Amino acid sequence: MVGFVGNAGAKVHILRLDPGELLLESIHEYAAREGIRHGYVPAIAATLSDCVLHMVMTTGYPPVEHFRRWEDEPLEVAGMSGIIVDGIAHLHVVVSNHEKAWAGHVEPGCRVLYRAELVIHEIENINIARIRNEMGTEILGEI
Protein backbone atom coordinates (compact mmCIF):
# COMPACT_ATOMS: atom_id res chain seq x y z
CA MET A 1 0.00 0.00 0.00
CA VAL A 2 1.19 3.50 -0.84
CA GLY A 3 -0.28 6.73 0.51
CA PHE A 4 0.04 10.27 -0.83
CA VAL A 5 -0.54 13.34 1.33
CA GLY A 6 -1.63 16.78 0.19
CA ASN A 7 -3.59 19.75 1.46
CA ALA A 8 -7.21 19.73 0.29
CA GLY A 9 -7.62 23.21 1.73
CA ALA A 10 -10.99 24.84 1.22
CA LYS A 11 -11.13 24.93 -2.59
CA VAL A 12 -14.29 23.18 -3.67
CA HIS A 13 -15.72 23.48 -7.18
CA ILE A 14 -19.38 22.83 -7.94
CA LEU A 15 -20.18 22.31 -11.62
CA ARG A 16 -23.50 22.52 -13.39
CA LEU A 17 -23.74 20.80 -16.75
CA ASP A 18 -26.75 21.53 -18.92
CA PRO A 19 -28.69 19.29 -21.34
CA GLY A 20 -26.51 17.94 -24.14
CA GLU A 21 -23.17 18.63 -22.45
CA LEU A 22 -20.69 15.78 -22.21
CA LEU A 23 -19.86 14.62 -18.68
CA LEU A 24 -16.24 13.49 -18.78
CA GLU A 25 -15.19 15.92 -21.49
CA SER A 26 -16.69 18.85 -19.53
CA ILE A 27 -14.87 17.82 -16.36
CA HIS A 28 -11.57 17.71 -18.28
CA GLU A 29 -12.29 21.07 -19.93
CA TYR A 30 -13.15 22.66 -16.59
CA ALA A 31 -10.06 21.20 -14.89
CA ALA A 32 -7.86 22.59 -17.68
CA ARG A 33 -9.54 26.02 -17.60
CA GLU A 34 -9.31 26.31 -13.80
CA GLY A 35 -5.83 24.79 -13.53
CA ILE A 36 -6.99 21.82 -11.45
CA ARG A 37 -4.13 19.30 -11.53
CA HIS A 38 -5.31 16.96 -8.78
CA GLY A 39 -8.59 16.41 -6.99
CA TYR A 40 -11.45 14.08 -6.36
CA VAL A 41 -15.13 13.86 -7.23
CA PRO A 42 -17.20 12.79 -4.21
CA ALA A 43 -20.75 13.54 -5.36
CA ILE A 44 -23.01 13.99 -8.35
CA ALA A 45 -26.72 14.39 -9.10
CA ALA A 46 -27.41 13.80 -12.78
CA THR A 47 -29.38 12.20 -15.57
CA LEU A 48 -27.88 11.00 -18.84
CA SER A 49 -29.33 10.38 -22.30
CA ASP A 50 -26.22 8.70 -23.70
CA CYS A 51 -23.69 6.72 -21.72
CA VAL A 52 -20.56 4.66 -22.32
CA LEU A 53 -19.10 2.53 -19.52
CA HIS A 54 -16.42 -0.07 -19.52
CA MET A 55 -16.34 -2.95 -17.10
CA VAL A 56 -13.63 -5.50 -16.40
CA MET A 57 -14.71 -9.05 -17.25
CA THR A 58 -11.70 -11.15 -16.18
CA THR A 59 -9.34 -11.45 -13.24
CA GLY A 60 -6.24 -12.17 -15.34
CA TYR A 61 -3.89 -9.70 -16.94
CA PRO A 62 -4.29 -8.10 -19.36
CA PRO A 63 -7.94 -7.61 -18.47
CA VAL A 64 -10.76 -8.28 -20.90
CA GLU A 65 -13.10 -5.31 -20.88
CA HIS A 66 -16.72 -4.97 -21.96
CA PHE A 67 -18.04 -1.64 -23.23
CA ARG A 68 -21.74 -0.99 -22.58
CA ARG A 69 -23.37 1.80 -24.59
CA TRP A 70 -26.72 3.51 -24.29
CA GLU A 71 -27.97 5.97 -26.91
CA ASP A 72 -31.04 8.15 -26.42
CA GLU A 73 -32.09 6.25 -23.27
CA PRO A 74 -32.93 7.99 -19.98
CA LEU A 75 -30.54 7.00 -17.17
CA GLU A 76 -30.32 8.19 -13.59
CA VAL A 77 -26.86 8.59 -12.11
CA ALA A 78 -27.08 6.93 -8.70
CA GLY A 79 -23.51 7.75 -7.76
CA MET A 80 -20.13 8.68 -9.15
CA SER A 81 -16.75 9.10 -7.57
CA GLY A 82 -13.13 9.11 -8.59
CA ILE A 83 -9.94 11.08 -8.72
CA ILE A 84 -8.31 13.64 -10.97
CA VAL A 85 -4.57 13.31 -11.56
CA ASP A 86 -2.75 15.73 -13.88
CA GLY A 87 -6.13 17.08 -14.97
CA ILE A 88 -7.41 13.67 -16.11
CA ALA A 89 -10.39 12.18 -14.29
CA HIS A 90 -10.66 8.46 -13.48
CA LEU A 91 -14.31 8.07 -12.51
CA HIS A 92 -16.63 5.18 -11.70
CA VAL A 93 -20.38 5.53 -11.88
CA VAL A 94 -23.60 3.69 -11.14
CA VAL A 95 -26.42 4.35 -13.61
CA SER A 96 -29.92 2.92 -13.72
CA ASN A 97 -33.10 2.88 -15.71
CA HIS A 98 -36.52 1.97 -14.29
CA GLU A 99 -35.58 -1.75 -14.19
CA LYS A 100 -31.89 -2.25 -13.57
CA ALA A 101 -28.55 -0.69 -12.55
CA TRP A 102 -25.06 -0.91 -14.01
CA ALA A 103 -21.67 0.22 -12.72
CA GLY A 104 -18.44 0.87 -14.54
CA HIS A 105 -15.71 3.23 -15.61
CA VAL A 106 -16.93 6.49 -17.21
CA GLU A 107 -15.88 6.82 -20.86
CA PRO A 108 -16.16 9.76 -23.27
CA GLY A 109 -19.61 10.20 -24.79
CA CYS A 110 -21.78 10.33 -21.64
CA ARG A 111 -24.29 13.09 -22.42
CA VAL A 112 -26.38 15.02 -19.87
CA LEU A 113 -30.14 14.56 -20.25
CA TYR A 114 -31.66 17.19 -17.92
CA ARG A 115 -28.76 18.37 -15.79
CA ALA A 116 -25.71 17.28 -13.88
CA GLU A 117 -24.44 18.86 -10.69
CA LEU A 118 -21.15 17.63 -9.31
CA VAL A 119 -18.49 18.50 -6.79
CA ILE A 120 -14.74 18.59 -7.35
CA HIS A 121 -12.48 18.93 -4.33
CA GLU A 122 -9.18 20.35 -5.52
CA ILE A 123 -6.02 18.99 -3.87
CA GLU A 124 -2.95 21.20 -3.83
CA ASN A 125 0.65 20.55 -2.79
CA ILE A 126 0.75 16.90 -3.76
CA ASN A 127 3.25 15.43 -6.20
CA ILE A 128 1.62 12.46 -7.89
CA ALA A 129 1.30 11.19 -11.43
CA ARG A 130 0.08 8.13 -13.28
CA ILE A 131 3.06 5.90 -13.98
CA ARG A 132 3.40 2.42 -15.46
CA ASN A 133 4.41 -0.50 -13.27
CA GLU A 134 6.37 -3.55 -14.42
CA MET A 135 3.19 -5.13 -15.88
CA GLY A 136 2.42 -2.00 -17.90
CA THR A 137 -0.54 -1.06 -15.72
CA GLU A 138 -1.08 2.61 -14.88
CA ILE A 139 -0.73 3.24 -11.16
CA LEU A 140 -0.38 6.30 -8.96
CA GLY A 141 3.17 7.19 -8.10
CA GLU A 142 4.99 10.01 -6.40
CA ILE A 143 7.02 12.34 -8.60
C-alpha atoms as a PDB file:
ATOM      1  CA  MET A   1       0.000   0.000   0.000  1.00  0.00           C
ATOM      2  CA  VAL A   2       1.195   3.498  -0.841  1.00  0.00           C
ATOM      3  CA  GLY A   3      -0.277   6.735   0.512  1.00  0.00           C
ATOM      4  CA  PHE A   4       0.043  10.270  -0.834  1.00  0.00           C
ATOM      5  CA  VAL A   5      -0.536  13.341   1.326  1.00  0.00           C
ATOM      6  CA  GLY A   6      -1.630  16.783   0.190  1.00  0.00           C
ATOM      7  CA  ASN A   7      -3.587  19.749   1.464  1.00  0.00           C
ATOM      8  CA  ALA A   8      -7.210  19.731   0.294  1.00  0.00           C
ATOM      9  CA  GLY A   9      -7.622  23.214   1.728  1.00  0.00           C
ATOM     10  CA  ALA A  10     -10.991  24.839   1.219  1.00  0.00           C
ATOM     11  CA  LYS A  11     -11.129  24.935  -2.588  1.00  0.00           C
ATOM     12  CA  VAL A  12     -14.294  23.177  -3.669  1.00  0.00           C
ATOM     13  CA  HIS A  13     -15.719  23.480  -7.182  1.00  0.00           C
ATOM     14  CA  ILE A  14     -19.379  22.827  -7.941  1.00  0.00           C
ATOM     15  CA  LEU A  15     -20.178  22.315 -11.620  1.00  0.00           C
ATOM     16  CA  ARG A  16     -23.497  22.519 -13.388  1.00  0.00           C
ATOM     17  CA  LEU A  17     -23.745  20.800 -16.749  1.00  0.00           C
ATOM     18  CA  ASP A  18     -26.754  21.531 -18.924  1.00  0.00           C
ATOM     19  CA  PRO A  19     -28.687  19.285 -21.337  1.00  0.00           C
ATOM     20  CA  GLY A  20     -26.506  17.940 -24.139  1.00  0.00           C
ATOM     21  CA  GLU A  21     -23.172  18.631 -22.455  1.00  0.00           C
ATOM     22  CA  LEU A  22     -20.695  15.778 -22.209  1.00  0.00           C
ATOM     23  CA  LEU A  23     -19.864  14.624 -18.683  1.00  0.00           C
ATOM     24  CA  LEU A  24     -16.235  13.486 -18.779  1.00  0.00           C
ATOM     25  CA  GLU A  25     -15.190  15.922 -21.487  1.00  0.00           C
ATOM     26  CA  SER A  26     -16.689  18.846 -19.534  1.00  0.00           C
ATOM     27  CA  ILE A  27     -14.866  17.820 -16.356  1.00  0.00           C
ATOM     28  CA  HIS A  28     -11.574  17.710 -18.282  1.00  0.00           C
ATOM     29  CA  GLU A  29     -12.294  21.070 -19.930  1.00  0.00           C
ATOM     30  CA  TYR A  30     -13.154  22.656 -16.588  1.00  0.00           C
ATOM     31  CA  ALA A  31     -10.060  21.202 -14.895  1.00  0.00           C
ATOM     32  CA  ALA A  32      -7.859  22.593 -17.682  1.00  0.00           C
ATOM     33  CA  ARG A  33      -9.536  26.019 -17.599  1.00  0.00           C
ATOM     34  CA  GLU A  34      -9.312  26.308 -13.800  1.00  0.00           C
ATOM     35  CA  GLY A  35      -5.834  24.786 -13.527  1.00  0.00           C
ATOM     36  CA  ILE A  36      -6.992  21.815 -11.449  1.00  0.00           C
ATOM     37  CA  ARG A  37      -4.131  19.301 -11.525  1.00  0.00           C
ATOM     38  CA  HIS A  38      -5.309  16.964  -8.777  1.00  0.00           C
ATOM     39  CA  GLY A  39      -8.592  16.414  -6.992  1.00  0.00           C
ATOM     40  CA  TYR A  40     -11.451  14.076  -6.362  1.00  0.00           C
ATOM     41  CA  VAL A  41     -15.133  13.856  -7.233  1.00  0.00           C
ATOM     42  CA  PRO A  42     -17.198  12.794  -4.205  1.00  0.00           C
ATOM     43  CA  ALA A  43     -20.748  13.538  -5.357  1.00  0.00           C
ATOM     44  CA  ILE A  44     -23.009  13.988  -8.351  1.00  0.00           C
ATOM     45  CA  ALA A  45     -26.715  14.392  -9.099  1.00  0.00           C
ATOM     46  CA  ALA A  46     -27.411  13.796 -12.777  1.00  0.00           C
ATOM     47  CA  THR A  47     -29.382  12.202 -15.569  1.00  0.00           C
ATOM     48  CA  LEU A  48     -27.881  10.997 -18.842  1.00  0.00           C
ATOM     49  CA  SER A  49     -29.327  10.377 -22.304  1.00  0.00           C
ATOM     50  CA  ASP A  50     -26.218   8.699 -23.702  1.00  0.00           C
ATOM     51  CA  CYS A  51     -23.686   6.721 -21.716  1.00  0.00           C
ATOM     52  CA  VAL A  52     -20.556   4.659 -22.319  1.00  0.00           C
ATOM     53  CA  LEU A  53     -19.097   2.535 -19.522  1.00  0.00           C
ATOM     54  CA  HIS A  54     -16.416  -0.070 -19.516  1.00  0.00           C
ATOM     55  CA  MET A  55     -16.337  -2.953 -17.097  1.00  0.00           C
ATOM     56  CA  VAL A  56     -13.625  -5.502 -16.401  1.00  0.00           C
ATOM     57  CA  MET A  57     -14.712  -9.052 -17.245  1.00  0.00           C
ATOM     58  CA  THR A  58     -11.700 -11.151 -16.175  1.00  0.00           C
ATOM     59  CA  THR A  59      -9.342 -11.454 -13.237  1.00  0.00           C
ATOM     60  CA  GLY A  60      -6.242 -12.171 -15.341  1.00  0.00           C
ATOM     61  CA  TYR A  61      -3.887  -9.703 -16.942  1.00  0.00           C
ATOM     62  CA  PRO A  62      -4.287  -8.100 -19.357  1.00  0.00           C
ATOM     63  CA  PRO A  63      -7.943  -7.614 -18.469  1.00  0.00           C
ATOM     64  CA  VAL A  64     -10.757  -8.276 -20.902  1.00  0.00           C
ATOM     65  CA  GLU A  65     -13.100  -5.311 -20.883  1.00  0.00           C
ATOM     66  CA  HIS A  66     -16.721  -4.968 -21.964  1.00  0.00           C
ATOM     67  CA  PHE A  67     -18.036  -1.635 -23.234  1.00  0.00           C
ATOM     68  CA  ARG A  68     -21.736  -0.995 -22.577  1.00  0.00           C
ATOM     69  CA  ARG A  69     -23.368   1.804 -24.587  1.00  0.00           C
ATOM     70  CA  TRP A  70     -26.721   3.514 -24.288  1.00  0.00           C
ATOM     71  CA  GLU A  71     -27.975   5.967 -26.912  1.00  0.00           C
ATOM     72  CA  ASP A  72     -31.036   8.150 -26.419  1.00  0.00           C
ATOM     73  CA  GLU A  73     -32.088   6.254 -23.273  1.00  0.00           C
ATOM     74  CA  PRO A  74     -32.926   7.988 -19.976  1.00  0.00           C
ATOM     75  CA  LEU A  75     -30.542   6.997 -17.173  1.00  0.00           C
ATOM     76  CA  GLU A  76     -30.324   8.190 -13.589  1.00  0.00           C
ATOM     77  CA  VAL A  77     -26.856   8.588 -12.110  1.00  0.00           C
ATOM     78  CA  ALA A  78     -27.085   6.932  -8.699  1.00  0.00           C
ATOM     79  CA  GLY A  79     -23.506   7.754  -7.762  1.00  0.00           C
ATOM     80  CA  MET A  80     -20.132   8.677  -9.154  1.00  0.00           C
ATOM     81  CA  SER A  81     -16.747   9.101  -7.566  1.00  0.00           C
ATOM     82  CA  GLY A  82     -13.133   9.113  -8.592  1.00  0.00           C
ATOM     83  CA  ILE A  83      -9.943  11.084  -8.718  1.00  0.00           C
ATOM     84  CA  ILE A  84      -8.315  13.641 -10.967  1.00  0.00           C
ATOM     85  CA  VAL A  85      -4.566  13.312 -11.561  1.00  0.00           C
ATOM     86  CA  ASP A  86      -2.747  15.732 -13.875  1.00  0.00           C
ATOM     87  CA  GLY A  87      -6.134  17.084 -14.970  1.00  0.00           C
ATOM     88  CA  ILE A  88      -7.405  13.671 -16.111  1.00  0.00           C
ATOM     89  CA  ALA A  89     -10.390  12.179 -14.289  1.00  0.00           C
ATOM     90  CA  HIS A  90     -10.662   8.462 -13.483  1.00  0.00           C
ATOM     91  CA  LEU A  91     -14.308   8.070 -12.513  1.00  0.00           C
ATOM     92  CA  HIS A  92     -16.626   5.181 -11.704  1.00  0.00           C
ATOM     93  CA  VAL A  93     -20.382   5.532 -11.882  1.00  0.00           C
ATOM     94  CA  VAL A  94     -23.604   3.692 -11.143  1.00  0.00           C
ATOM     95  CA  VAL A  95     -26.416   4.354 -13.613  1.00  0.00           C
ATOM     96  CA  SER A  96     -29.922   2.921 -13.720  1.00  0.00           C
ATOM     97  CA  ASN A  97     -33.099   2.879 -15.715  1.00  0.00           C
ATOM     98  CA  HIS A  98     -36.519   1.966 -14.289  1.00  0.00           C
ATOM     99  CA  GLU A  99     -35.581  -1.750 -14.194  1.00  0.00           C
ATOM    100  CA  LYS A 100     -31.890  -2.250 -13.573  1.00  0.00           C
ATOM    101  CA  ALA A 101     -28.553  -0.693 -12.546  1.00  0.00           C
ATOM    102  CA  TRP A 102     -25.056  -0.912 -14.014  1.00  0.00           C
ATOM    103  CA  ALA A 103     -21.673   0.218 -12.719  1.00  0.00           C
ATOM    104  CA  GLY A 104     -18.443   0.873 -14.543  1.00  0.00           C
ATOM    105  CA  HIS A 105     -15.706   3.231 -15.612  1.00  0.00           C
ATOM    106  CA  VAL A 106     -16.928   6.488 -17.211  1.00  0.00           C
ATOM    107  CA  GLU A 107     -15.876   6.818 -20.855  1.00  0.00           C
ATOM    108  CA  PRO A 108     -16.162   9.760 -23.269  1.00  0.00           C
ATOM    109  CA  GLY A 109     -19.607  10.199 -24.789  1.00  0.00           C
ATOM    110  CA  CYS A 110     -21.775  10.334 -21.640  1.00  0.00           C
ATOM    111  CA  ARG A 111     -24.292  13.090 -22.422  1.00  0.00           C
ATOM    112  CA  VAL A 112     -26.377  15.015 -19.868  1.00  0.00           C
ATOM    113  CA  LEU A 113     -30.142  14.558 -20.248  1.00  0.00           C
ATOM    114  CA  TYR A 114     -31.660  17.187 -17.921  1.00  0.00           C
ATOM    115  CA  ARG A 115     -28.763  18.371 -15.786  1.00  0.00           C
ATOM    116  CA  ALA A 116     -25.712  17.278 -13.875  1.00  0.00           C
ATOM    117  CA  GLU A 117     -24.439  18.864 -10.692  1.00  0.00           C
ATOM    118  CA  LEU A 118     -21.154  17.625  -9.310  1.00  0.00           C
ATOM    119  CA  VAL A 119     -18.491  18.501  -6.795  1.00  0.00           C
ATOM    120  CA  ILE A 120     -14.739  18.590  -7.351  1.00  0.00           C
ATOM    121  CA  HIS A 121     -12.481  18.926  -4.330  1.00  0.00           C
ATOM    122  CA  GLU A 122      -9.179  20.346  -5.519  1.00  0.00           C
ATOM    123  CA  ILE A 123      -6.024  18.987  -3.870  1.00  0.00           C
ATOM    124  CA  GLU A 124      -2.953  21.196  -3.831  1.00  0.00           C
ATOM    125  CA  ASN A 125       0.650  20.548  -2.790  1.00  0.00           C
ATOM    126  CA  ILE A 126       0.755  16.897  -3.757  1.00  0.00           C
ATOM    127  CA  ASN A 127       3.246  15.426  -6.205  1.00  0.00           C
ATOM    128  CA  ILE A 128       1.615  12.455  -7.886  1.00  0.00           C
ATOM    129  CA  ALA A 129       1.297  11.186 -11.432  1.00  0.00           C
ATOM    130  CA  ARG A 130       0.081   8.133 -13.277  1.00  0.00           C
ATOM    131  CA  ILE A 131       3.063   5.902 -13.975  1.00  0.00           C
ATOM    132  CA  ARG A 132       3.398   2.418 -15.463  1.00  0.00           C
ATOM    133  CA  ASN A 133       4.411  -0.503 -13.268  1.00  0.00           C
ATOM    134  CA  GLU A 134       6.369  -3.549 -14.421  1.00  0.00           C
ATOM    135  CA  MET A 135       3.191  -5.130 -15.880  1.00  0.00           C
ATOM    136  CA  GLY A 136       2.424  -2.002 -17.900  1.00  0.00           C
ATOM    137  CA  THR A 137      -0.541  -1.056 -15.721  1.00  0.00           C
ATOM    138  CA  GLU A 138      -1.078   2.607 -14.882  1.00  0.00           C
ATOM    139  CA  ILE A 139      -0.728   3.240 -11.159  1.00  0.00           C
ATOM    140  CA  LEU A 140      -0.377   6.300  -8.957  1.00  0.00           C
ATOM    141  CA  GLY A 141       3.174   7.189  -8.096  1.00  0.00           C
ATOM    142  CA  GLU A 142       4.992  10.011  -6.402  1.00  0.00           C
ATOM    143  CA  ILE A 143       7.021  12.337  -8.603  1.00  0.00           C
END
